[in-house]
Amino acid sequence: MNLQVINRELSVGNIDIAGVASSSLVLVGDADIIQLASAFDTPPESLIIGPFVPLSPEG
């Protein structure tokens, strides 16, 4: 796979995040290396997958 990247000026005025998934990354700007990992030490039968709860604006 060939990937050509052309870096140009970037201006971000506002970021609005309404929710966060179990594995998330928000990146604004440059990064040489991004390495992500995830592990569960919980048995699969105790994992509850249900409706996502959005983040409230009031912290």
Protein backbone atom coordinates (compact mmCIF):
# COMPACT_ATOMS: atom_id res chain seq x y z
CA MET A 1 0.00 0.00 0.00
CA ASN A 2 1.35 3.42 -0.94
CA LEU A 3 0.19 6.42 1.09
CA GLN A 4 1.11 9.97 0.17
CA VAL A 5 0.64 12.61 2.88
CA ILE A 6 0.83 16.34 2.16
CA ASN A 7 1.01 18.41 5.34
CA ARG A 8 -0.75 21.74 5.12
CA GLU A 9 -1.90 24.31 7.67
CA LEU A 10 -4.58 23.09 10.05
CA SER A 11 -6.85 25.30 12.13
CA VAL A 12 -9.30 23.77 14.61
CA GLY A 13 -11.74 26.15 16.23
CA ASN A 14 -13.90 23.78 18.28
CA ILE A 15 -14.21 20.06 19.00
CA ASP A 16 -17.52 18.75 20.32
CA ILE A 17 -17.39 15.16 21.61
CA ALA A 18 -20.82 13.75 22.46
CA GLY A 19 -19.69 10.29 23.63
CA VAL A 20 -16.71 8.01 24.03
CA ALA A 21 -16.54 4.43 22.81
CA SER A 22 -14.64 1.68 24.58
CA SER A 23 -11.66 2.35 22.32
CA SER A 24 -11.20 5.97 21.26
CA LEU A 25 -8.52 8.31 19.93
CA VAL A 26 -8.80 12.02 19.21
CA LEU A 27 -5.78 13.46 17.47
CA VAL A 28 -5.28 17.01 16.28
CA GLY A 29 -1.84 17.71 14.86
CA ASP A 30 1.15 15.57 14.01
CA ALA A 31 2.27 12.24 15.42
CA ASP A 32 5.28 10.18 14.43
CA ILE A 33 4.06 6.97 16.05
CA ILE A 34 0.67 5.98 17.44
CA GLN A 35 0.53 2.68 19.28
CA LEU A 36 -2.73 1.57 20.86
CA ALA A 37 -3.45 -1.54 22.90
CA SER A 38 -6.40 -2.90 24.80
CA ALA A 39 -6.88 -5.89 27.09
CA PHE A 40 -9.70 -7.30 29.19
CA ASP A 41 -9.04 -9.23 32.38
CA THR A 42 -12.75 -9.87 32.86
CA PRO A 43 -14.48 -13.09 31.79
CA PRO A 44 -16.65 -12.61 28.68
CA GLU A 45 -19.89 -13.53 30.51
CA SER A 46 -19.51 -10.51 32.82
CA LEU A 47 -19.07 -8.05 29.95
CA ILE A 48 -22.22 -5.96 29.55
CA ILE A 49 -22.77 -4.37 26.15
CA GLY A 50 -25.71 -2.00 26.25
CA PRO A 51 -26.83 1.40 25.12
CA PHE A 52 -24.12 4.03 25.14
CA VAL A 53 -24.52 6.88 27.60
CA PRO A 54 -23.53 10.27 26.15
CA LEU A 55 -21.27 12.57 28.13
CA SER A 56 -23.16 15.38 29.81
CA PRO A 57 -21.89 18.97 29.36
CA GLU A 58 -21.99 19.48 33.13
CA GLY A 59 -18.85 17.76 34.47
